[in-house]
Amino acid sequence: MHKIIALWAHPRSMSTATERIMRERGDLDVLHEPFMYDYYVGQGRDFPGFEPVPGHPTTYEGICDMLQERAEAGPVFFKDMAFYVVPRMLGDREMLRRITHVFLVRPPVASLLSYHKLDPDFTREEVGIEAQWQLYQAAEAEGLSPVVIEAEAVRADPKGIMRALWARIGLDYTDTAFDWQAPPEDWEHVSAWHEEASTSSGIRTADPEEMLRKEMEFEALVERVPHLQDYLHHHAPYFRKLSERALRV
């Protein structure tokens, strides 16, 4: 059986751009948020801008089976939100141990701002960072070696961080992964959410004052949408725990 590598993210954490790097390697069978189909379609939740692909499995068990089947032919990589599979995977030791777990985090002020622009009605659960921490702890308790990477570190040094990540999870360094070509066809069902990652030719470098601007913008937004402050207070401790464990170069 080949590897099944998961990038467990939270919404607006630069996960699609990171997935794009993995796609451009050319040696992985890459899936885009397969467990979305269980969380939203199978469980009857609304997700704006999502057009399900006919025939995709819509249950947790069916998606796990699909991943296992595809891993029979070659190594598989998928990007997903941890809250799609928590708490189901926490009690599924077989699948938990089958996966090579990577976690991607971004400062929640930045991800909350971006999320609110696309879907003002998102829930506290959908912020997603608490679920990442729960899944990280479960993987660690199984004696696995989950890896954490930070979005801002990838932006600052994409080749350095990805080289270190690939070394940790048993993949060769591939320089062509950073030169993006045409956008993947299977992003079309969620194209409204990934315009920048679809149209860019590589990771966009942050400017030094970007986070300060986002903090000021968030403060202004909270005056109009006060529950976002509660979302931040709830998820910030989990972000800090994961960030403390992040891969450093």
C-alpha atoms as a PDB file:
ATOM      1  CA  MET A   1       0.000   0.000   0.000  1.00  0.00           C
ATOM      2  CA  HIS A   2       1.212   3.503  -0.855  1.00  0.00           C
ATOM      3  CA  LYS A   3       1.175   6.584   1.353  1.00  0.00           C
ATOM      4  CA  ILE A   4      -1.977   8.560   2.043  1.00  0.00           C
ATOM      5  CA  ILE A   5      -0.864  12.077   3.008  1.00  0.00           C
ATOM      6  CA  ALA A   6      -3.381  14.514   4.468  1.00  0.00           C
ATOM      7  CA  LEU A   7      -2.988  18.266   4.766  1.00  0.00           C
ATOM      8  CA  TRP A   8      -5.408  19.146   7.574  1.00  0.00           C
ATOM      9  CA  ALA A   9      -6.172  22.834   7.288  1.00  0.00           C
ATOM     10  CA  HIS A  10      -8.696  25.402   8.426  1.00  0.00           C
ATOM     11  CA  PRO A  11     -10.582  27.670   5.989  1.00  0.00           C
ATOM     12  CA  ARG A  12      -8.613  30.544   4.451  1.00  0.00           C
ATOM     13  CA  SER A  13      -5.296  29.206   5.737  1.00  0.00           C
ATOM     14  CA  MET A  14      -3.541  29.220   2.352  1.00  0.00           C
ATOM     15  CA  SER A  15      -4.253  25.514   2.101  1.00  0.00           C
ATOM     16  CA  THR A  16      -5.230  25.565  -1.574  1.00  0.00           C
ATOM     17  CA  ALA A  17      -1.954  27.254  -2.529  1.00  0.00           C
ATOM     18  CA  THR A  18      -0.094  24.629  -0.507  1.00  0.00           C
ATOM     19  CA  GLU A  19      -2.118  21.922  -2.225  1.00  0.00           C
ATOM     20  CA  ARG A  20      -1.104  23.501  -5.535  1.00  0.00           C
ATOM     21  CA  ILE A  21       2.567  22.947  -4.680  1.00  0.00           C
ATOM     22  CA  MET A  22       1.858  19.291  -3.966  1.00  0.00           C
ATOM     23  CA  ARG A  23      -0.038  18.925  -7.238  1.00  0.00           C
ATOM     24  CA  GLU A  24       2.791  20.384  -9.281  1.00  0.00           C
ATOM     25  CA  ARG A  25       5.178  17.720  -7.958  1.00  0.00           C
ATOM     26  CA  GLY A  26       3.572  15.383 -10.477  1.00  0.00           C
ATOM     27  CA  ASP A  27       4.089  12.187  -8.481  1.00  0.00           C
ATOM     28  CA  LEU A  28       0.982  12.224  -6.264  1.00  0.00           C
ATOM     29  CA  ASP A  29      -2.679  11.454  -6.849  1.00  0.00           C
ATOM     30  CA  VAL A  30      -4.160  14.671  -5.420  1.00  0.00           C
ATOM     31  CA  LEU A  31      -7.714  15.158  -4.149  1.00  0.00           C
ATOM     32  CA  HIS A  32      -9.303  18.450  -3.164  1.00  0.00           C
ATOM     33  CA  GLU A  33     -11.332  18.281   0.083  1.00  0.00           C
ATOM     34  CA  PRO A  34     -12.939  14.862  -0.390  1.00  0.00           C
ATOM     35  CA  PHE A  35     -14.452  14.865   3.117  1.00  0.00           C
ATOM     36  CA  MET A  36     -16.342  18.058   2.244  1.00  0.00           C
ATOM     37  CA  TYR A  37     -18.841  15.752   0.573  1.00  0.00           C
ATOM     38  CA  ASP A  38     -19.641  14.030   3.852  1.00  0.00           C
ATOM     39  CA  TYR A  39     -19.771  17.188   5.980  1.00  0.00           C
ATOM     40  CA  TYR A  40     -21.859  19.312   3.616  1.00  0.00           C
ATOM     41  CA  VAL A  41     -23.621  17.015   1.135  1.00  0.00           C
ATOM     42  CA  GLY A  42     -24.016  13.844   3.176  1.00  0.00           C
ATOM     43  CA  GLN A  43     -25.004  15.658   6.366  1.00  0.00           C
ATOM     44  CA  GLY A  44     -27.201  18.215   4.611  1.00  0.00           C
ATOM     45  CA  ARG A  45     -25.353  21.435   5.436  1.00  0.00           C
ATOM     46  CA  ASP A  46     -25.260  24.502   3.203  1.00  0.00           C
ATOM     47  CA  PHE A  47     -22.008  25.677   1.652  1.00  0.00           C
ATOM     48  CA  PRO A  48     -22.174  28.734  -0.630  1.00  0.00           C
ATOM     49  CA  GLY A  49     -20.463  28.434  -3.980  1.00  0.00           C
ATOM     50  CA  PHE A  50     -20.070  24.639  -3.839  1.00  0.00           C
ATOM     51  CA  GLU A  51     -21.231  22.581  -6.814  1.00  0.00           C
ATOM     52  CA  PRO A  52     -20.914  18.869  -5.936  1.00  0.00           C
ATOM     53  CA  VAL A  53     -19.435  16.567  -8.559  1.00  0.00           C
ATOM     54  CA  PRO A  54     -21.859  13.734  -9.409  1.00  0.00           C
ATOM     55  CA  GLY A  55     -20.740  10.309  -8.259  1.00  0.00           C
ATOM     56  CA  HIS A  56     -18.413  11.440  -5.484  1.00  0.00           C
ATOM     57  CA  PRO A  57     -18.976   9.431  -2.270  1.00  0.00           C
ATOM     58  CA  THR A  58     -20.899  11.405   0.350  1.00  0.00           C
ATOM     59  CA  THR A  59     -20.302   9.369   3.507  1.00  0.00           C
ATOM     60  CA  TYR A  60     -17.272   9.229   5.766  1.00  0.00           C
ATOM     61  CA  GLU A  61     -16.924   5.486   5.178  1.00  0.00           C
ATOM     62  CA  GLY A  62     -17.265   5.826   1.405  1.00  0.00           C
ATOM     63  CA  ILE A  63     -14.621   8.535   1.225  1.00  0.00           C
ATOM     64  CA  CYS A  64     -12.209   6.500   3.365  1.00  0.00           C
ATOM     65  CA  ASP A  65     -12.748   3.534   1.022  1.00  0.00           C
ATOM     66  CA  MET A  66     -12.086   5.750  -2.013  1.00  0.00           C
ATOM     67  CA  LEU A  67      -8.793   6.977  -0.534  1.00  0.00           C
ATOM     68  CA  GLN A  68      -7.699   3.434   0.261  1.00  0.00           C
ATOM     69  CA  GLU A  69      -8.569   2.235  -3.234  1.00  0.00           C
ATOM     70  CA  ARG A  70      -6.646   5.057  -4.913  1.00  0.00           C
ATOM     71  CA  ALA A  71      -3.641   4.358  -2.690  1.00  0.00           C
ATOM     72  CA  GLU A  72      -3.453   0.871  -4.174  1.00  0.00           C
ATOM     73  CA  ALA A  73      -2.255   2.438  -7.443  1.00  0.00           C
ATOM     74  CA  GLY A  74       0.129   5.062  -6.035  1.00  0.00           C
ATOM     75  CA  PRO A  75       0.732   7.633  -3.305  1.00  0.00           C
ATOM     76  CA  VAL A  76      -2.255   9.848  -2.502  1.00  0.00           C
ATOM     77  CA  PHE A  77      -2.363  13.407  -1.166  1.00  0.00           C
ATOM     78  CA  PHE A  78      -5.493  15.242  -0.133  1.00  0.00           C
ATOM     79  CA  LYS A  79      -6.226  18.602   1.453  1.00  0.00           C
ATOM     80  CA  ASP A  80      -9.171  18.849   3.829  1.00  0.00           C
ATOM     81  CA  MET A  81     -10.547  20.693   6.829  1.00  0.00           C
ATOM     82  CA  ALA A  82     -10.059  18.852  10.109  1.00  0.00           C
ATOM     83  CA  PHE A  83     -13.575  19.706  11.281  1.00  0.00           C
ATOM     84  CA  TYR A  84     -14.971  17.619   8.410  1.00  0.00           C
ATOM     85  CA  VAL A  85     -13.695  14.442  10.104  1.00  0.00           C
ATOM     86  CA  VAL A  86     -13.766  15.354  13.820  1.00  0.00           C
ATOM     87  CA  PRO A  87     -15.036  13.578  15.839  1.00  0.00           C
ATOM     88  CA  ARG A  88     -15.440  10.625  13.425  1.00  0.00           C
ATOM     89  CA  MET A  89     -11.755  10.023  12.790  1.00  0.00           C
ATOM     90  CA  LEU A  90     -10.827  10.425  16.452  1.00  0.00           C
ATOM     91  CA  GLY A  91     -12.403   7.030  17.080  1.00  0.00           C
ATOM     92  CA  ASP A  92     -11.287   5.428  13.801  1.00  0.00           C
ATOM     93  CA  ARG A  93      -7.843   4.167  14.792  1.00  0.00           C
ATOM     94  CA  GLU A  94      -7.367   2.203  11.561  1.00  0.00           C
ATOM     95  CA  MET A  95      -7.825   5.224   9.289  1.00  0.00           C
ATOM     96  CA  LEU A  96      -6.054   7.559  11.689  1.00  0.00           C
ATOM     97  CA  ARG A  97      -2.969   5.338  11.589  1.00  0.00           C
ATOM     98  CA  ARG A  98      -3.198   4.830   7.810  1.00  0.00           C
ATOM     99  CA  ILE A  99      -2.663   8.559   7.144  1.00  0.00           C
ATOM    100  CA  THR A 100       0.505  10.645   7.205  1.00  0.00           C
ATOM    101  CA  HIS A 101      -0.759  13.780   8.969  1.00  0.00           C
ATOM    102  CA  VAL A 102       0.328  17.339   8.143  1.00  0.00           C
ATOM    103  CA  PHE A 103      -1.354  20.375   9.714  1.00  0.00           C
ATOM    104  CA  LEU A 104      -1.373  23.884   8.228  1.00  0.00           C
ATOM    105  CA  VAL A 105      -2.194  26.905  10.393  1.00  0.00           C
ATOM    106  CA  ARG A 106      -2.521  30.627   9.772  1.00  0.00           C
ATOM    107  CA  PRO A 107      -3.092  33.423  12.329  1.00  0.00           C
ATOM    108  CA  PRO A 108      -6.850  33.348  12.969  1.00  0.00           C
ATOM    109  CA  VAL A 109      -7.251  37.124  12.587  1.00  0.00           C
ATOM    110  CA  ALA A 110      -6.224  36.760   8.945  1.00  0.00           C
ATOM    111  CA  SER A 111      -8.286  33.642   8.244  1.00  0.00           C
ATOM    112  CA  LEU A 112     -11.416  35.042   9.946  1.00  0.00           C
ATOM    113  CA  LEU A 113     -11.220  38.220   7.893  1.00  0.00           C
ATOM    114  CA  SER A 114     -10.911  36.307   4.656  1.00  0.00           C
ATOM    115  CA  TYR A 115     -13.630  33.813   5.570  1.00  0.00           C
ATOM    116  CA  HIS A 116     -16.125  36.544   6.465  1.00  0.00           C
ATOM    117  CA  LYS A 117     -15.714  38.168   3.054  1.00  0.00           C
ATOM    118  CA  LEU A 118     -16.739  34.948   1.309  1.00  0.00           C
ATOM    119  CA  ASP A 119     -19.306  33.594   3.773  1.00  0.00           C
ATOM    120  CA  PRO A 120     -20.510  35.958   6.535  1.00  0.00           C
ATOM    121  CA  ASP A 121     -22.653  33.204   8.065  1.00  0.00           C
ATOM    122  CA  PHE A 122     -19.913  30.704   8.885  1.00  0.00           C
ATOM    123  CA  THR A 123     -20.106  29.011  12.287  1.00  0.00           C
ATOM    124  CA  ARG A 124     -17.602  28.851  15.125  1.00  0.00           C
ATOM    125  CA  GLU A 125     -16.990  25.187  14.330  1.00  0.00           C
ATOM    126  CA  GLU A 126     -16.153  26.084  10.729  1.00  0.00           C
ATOM    127  CA  VAL A 127     -13.276  28.302  11.889  1.00  0.00           C
ATOM    128  CA  GLY A 128     -11.683  24.890  12.213  1.00  0.00           C
ATOM    129  CA  ILE A 129      -8.612  25.329  14.401  1.00  0.00           C
ATOM    130  CA  GLU A 130      -9.960  23.555  17.480  1.00  0.00           C
ATOM    131  CA  ALA A 131     -10.656  20.466  15.366  1.00  0.00           C
ATOM    132  CA  GLN A 132      -7.099  20.579  14.030  1.00  0.00           C
ATOM    133  CA  TRP A 133      -5.741  20.466  17.574  1.00  0.00           C
ATOM    134  CA  GLN A 134      -8.038  17.566  18.488  1.00  0.00           C
ATOM    135  CA  LEU A 135      -6.908  15.599  15.450  1.00  0.00           C
ATOM    136  CA  TYR A 136      -3.258  16.453  16.086  1.00  0.00           C
ATOM    137  CA  GLN A 137      -3.539  15.143  19.655  1.00  0.00           C
ATOM    138  CA  ALA A 138      -5.234  11.951  18.439  1.00  0.00           C
ATOM    139  CA  ALA A 139      -2.476  11.303  15.897  1.00  0.00           C
ATOM    140  CA  GLU A 140       0.201  11.941  18.494  1.00  0.00           C
ATOM    141  CA  ALA A 141      -1.521   9.625  20.980  1.00  0.00           C
ATOM    142  CA  GLU A 142      -1.323   6.849  18.381  1.00  0.00           C
ATOM    143  CA  GLY A 143       2.460   7.221  18.308  1.00  0.00           C
ATOM    144  CA  LEU A 144       2.452   8.928  14.920  1.00  0.00           C
ATOM    145  CA  SER A 145       4.579  11.962  14.057  1.00  0.00           C
ATOM    146  CA  PRO A 146       2.190  14.673  12.836  1.00  0.00           C
ATOM    147  CA  VAL A 147       3.875  17.693  11.281  1.00  0.00           C
ATOM    148  CA  VAL A 148       2.714  21.312  11.588  1.00  0.00           C
ATOM    149  CA  ILE A 149       3.581  24.034   9.081  1.00  0.00           C
ATOM    150  CA  GLU A 150       2.623  27.712   9.217  1.00  0.00           C
ATOM    151  CA  ALA A 151       1.159  29.581   6.260  1.00  0.00           C
ATOM    152  CA  GLU A 152       3.308  32.655   6.878  1.00  0.00           C
ATOM    153  CA  ALA A 153       6.459  30.520   6.972  1.00  0.00           C
ATOM    154  CA  VAL A 154       5.523  28.940   3.638  1.00  0.00           C
ATOM    155  CA  ARG A 155       5.015  32.405   2.158  1.00  0.00           C
ATOM    156  CA  ALA A 156       8.341  33.623   3.517  1.00  0.00           C
ATOM    157  CA  ASP A 157      10.371  30.598   2.380  1.00  0.00           C
ATOM    158  CA  PRO A 158       8.288  28.180   0.313  1.00  0.00           C
ATOM    159  CA  LYS A 159      11.183  26.062  -0.912  1.00  0.00           C
ATOM    160  CA  GLY A 160      12.837  25.862   2.496  1.00  0.00           C
ATOM    161  CA  ILE A 161       9.676  24.890   4.379  1.00  0.00           C
ATOM    162  CA  MET A 162       8.478  22.421   1.765  1.00  0.00           C
ATOM    163  CA  ARG A 163      11.921  20.833   1.497  1.00  0.00           C
ATOM    164  CA  ALA A 164      11.886  20.294   5.277  1.00  0.00           C
ATOM    165  CA  LEU A 165       8.310  18.986   5.194  1.00  0.00           C
ATOM    166  CA  TRP A 166       9.002  16.563   2.369  1.00  0.00           C
ATOM    167  CA  ALA A 167      12.047  15.238   4.203  1.00  0.00           C
ATOM    168  CA  ARG A 168       9.872  14.589   7.264  1.00  0.00           C
ATOM    169  CA  ILE A 169       7.179  12.696   5.346  1.00  0.00           C
ATOM    170  CA  GLY A 170       9.416  10.766   2.968  1.00  0.00           C
ATOM    171  CA  LEU A 171       9.101  12.702  -0.300  1.00  0.00           C
ATOM    172  CA  ASP A 172      11.954  13.829  -2.535  1.00  0.00           C
ATOM    173  CA  TYR A 173      12.547  17.526  -3.120  1.00  0.00           C
ATOM    174  CA  THR A 174      11.024  18.640  -6.441  1.00  0.00           C
ATOM    175  CA  ASP A 175      11.907  22.124  -7.676  1.00  0.00           C
ATOM    176  CA  THR A 176       9.263  22.141 -10.429  1.00  0.00           C
ATOM    177  CA  ALA A 177       6.527  22.113  -7.756  1.00  0.00           C
ATOM    178  CA  PHE A 178       6.976  25.869  -7.340  1.00  0.00           C
ATOM    179  CA  ASP A 179       6.356  26.727 -11.014  1.00  0.00           C
ATOM    180  CA  TRP A 180       2.590  26.495 -11.469  1.00  0.00           C
ATOM    181  CA  GLN A 181       0.921  25.737 -14.762  1.00  0.00           C
ATOM    182  CA  ALA A 182      -2.797  25.597 -15.649  1.00  0.00           C
ATOM    183  CA  PRO A 183      -5.221  25.450 -12.680  1.00  0.00           C
ATOM    184  CA  PRO A 184      -6.535  21.979 -11.752  1.00  0.00           C
ATOM    185  CA  GLU A 185      -9.861  20.990 -13.327  1.00  0.00           C
ATOM    186  CA  ASP A 186     -11.252  19.590 -10.082  1.00  0.00           C
ATOM    187  CA  TRP A 187     -11.212  23.064  -8.487  1.00  0.00           C
ATOM    188  CA  GLU A 188     -14.071  24.175 -10.728  1.00  0.00           C
ATOM    189  CA  HIS A 189     -16.760  23.102  -8.217  1.00  0.00           C
ATOM    190  CA  VAL A 190     -15.315  25.535  -5.630  1.00  0.00           C
ATOM    191  CA  SER A 191     -13.723  28.101  -7.977  1.00  0.00           C
ATOM    192  CA  ALA A 192     -15.169  31.113  -6.127  1.00  0.00           C
ATOM    193  CA  TRP A 193     -13.094  30.198  -3.069  1.00  0.00           C
ATOM    194  CA  HIS A 194      -9.740  29.716  -4.775  1.00  0.00           C
ATOM    195  CA  GLU A 195      -9.371  32.403  -7.416  1.00  0.00           C
ATOM    196  CA  GLU A 196      -5.911  33.565  -6.297  1.00  0.00           C
ATOM    197  CA  ALA A 197      -4.449  30.054  -6.087  1.00  0.00           C
ATOM    198  CA  SER A 198      -5.974  29.250  -9.491  1.00  0.00           C
ATOM    199  CA  THR A 199      -4.596  32.282 -11.318  1.00  0.00           C
ATOM    200  CA  SER A 200      -1.198  32.649  -9.640  1.00  0.00           C
ATOM    201  CA  SER A 201       2.066  31.200 -10.913  1.00  0.00           C
ATOM    202  CA  GLY A 202       3.482  30.671  -7.418  1.00  0.00           C
ATOM    203  CA  ILE A 203       3.216  31.532  -3.722  1.00  0.00           C
ATOM    204  CA  ARG A 204       2.686  35.252  -3.083  1.00  0.00           C
ATOM    205  CA  THR A 205       5.186  36.745  -0.650  1.00  0.00           C
ATOM    206  CA  ALA A 206       3.730  38.777   2.222  1.00  0.00           C
ATOM    207  CA  ASP A 207       4.857  42.323   2.855  1.00  0.00           C
ATOM    208  CA  PRO A 208       6.112  43.138   6.379  1.00  0.00           C
ATOM    209  CA  GLU A 209       3.113  45.279   7.363  1.00  0.00           C
ATOM    210  CA  GLU A 210       0.386  43.003   6.059  1.00  0.00           C
ATOM    211  CA  MET A 211      -0.488  41.410   9.409  1.00  0.00           C
ATOM    212  CA  LEU A 212      -0.705  44.799  11.116  1.00  0.00           C
ATOM    213  CA  ARG A 213      -3.198  45.944   8.486  1.00  0.00           C
ATOM    214  CA  LYS A 214      -5.229  42.777   8.966  1.00  0.00           C
ATOM    215  CA  GLU A 215      -5.346  43.301  12.741  1.00  0.00           C
ATOM    216  CA  MET A 216      -6.636  46.842  12.243  1.00  0.00           C
ATOM    217  CA  GLU A 217      -9.194  45.642   9.709  1.00  0.00           C
ATOM    218  CA  PHE A 218     -10.344  42.902  12.080  1.00  0.00           C
ATOM    219  CA  GLU A 219     -10.826  45.397  14.913  1.00  0.00           C
ATOM    220  CA  ALA A 220     -13.026  47.494  12.645  1.00  0.00           C
ATOM    221  CA  LEU A 221     -14.986  44.421  11.504  1.00  0.00           C
ATOM    222  CA  VAL A 222     -15.651  43.271  15.078  1.00  0.00           C
ATOM    223  CA  GLU A 223     -17.439  46.550  15.778  1.00  0.00           C
ATOM    224  CA  ARG A 224     -20.016  45.493  13.183  1.00  0.00           C
ATOM    225  CA  VAL A 225     -19.843  41.728  13.744  1.00  0.00           C
ATOM    226  CA  PRO A 226     -19.057  41.256  17.456  1.00  0.00           C
ATOM    227  CA  HIS A 227     -19.417  37.465  17.516  1.00  0.00           C
ATOM    228  CA  LEU A 228     -16.178  37.211  15.520  1.00  0.00           C
ATOM    229  CA  GLN A 229     -14.343  38.288  18.677  1.00  0.00           C
ATOM    230  CA  ASP A 230     -15.774  35.211  20.416  1.00  0.00           C
ATOM    231  CA  TYR A 231     -14.651  33.058  17.498  1.00  0.00           C
ATOM    232  CA  LEU A 232     -11.143  34.484  17.826  1.00  0.00           C
ATOM    233  CA  HIS A 233     -10.966  33.989  21.595  1.00  0.00           C
ATOM    234  CA  HIS A 234     -12.178  30.401  21.236  1.00  0.00           C
ATOM    235  CA  HIS A 235      -9.725  29.319  18.547  1.00  0.00           C
ATOM    236  CA  ALA A 236      -6.636  31.408  19.355  1.00  0.00           C
ATOM    237  CA  PRO A 237      -5.371  29.055  22.125  1.00  0.00           C
ATOM    238  CA  TYR A 238      -5.496  26.086  19.725  1.00  0.00           C
ATOM    239  CA  PHE A 239      -3.648  28.091  17.100  1.00  0.00           C
ATOM    240  CA  ARG A 240      -0.917  28.886  19.616  1.00  0.00           C
ATOM    241  CA  LYS A 241      -0.560  25.223  20.604  1.00  0.00           C
ATOM    242  CA  LEU A 242      -0.149  24.180  16.981  1.00  0.00           C
ATOM    243  CA  SER A 243       2.122  27.099  16.120  1.00  0.00           C
ATOM    244  CA  GLU A 244       4.443  26.168  18.986  1.00  0.00           C
ATOM    245  CA  ARG A 245       4.923  22.784  17.321  1.00  0.00           C
ATOM    246  CA  ALA A 246       5.444  24.121  13.792  1.00  0.00           C
ATOM    247  CA  LEU A 247       8.326  23.064  11.594  1.00  0.00           C
ATOM    248  CA  ARG A 248      11.201  25.551  11.662  1.00  0.00           C
ATOM    249  CA  VAL A 249      13.905  26.016   9.069  1.00  0.00           C
END
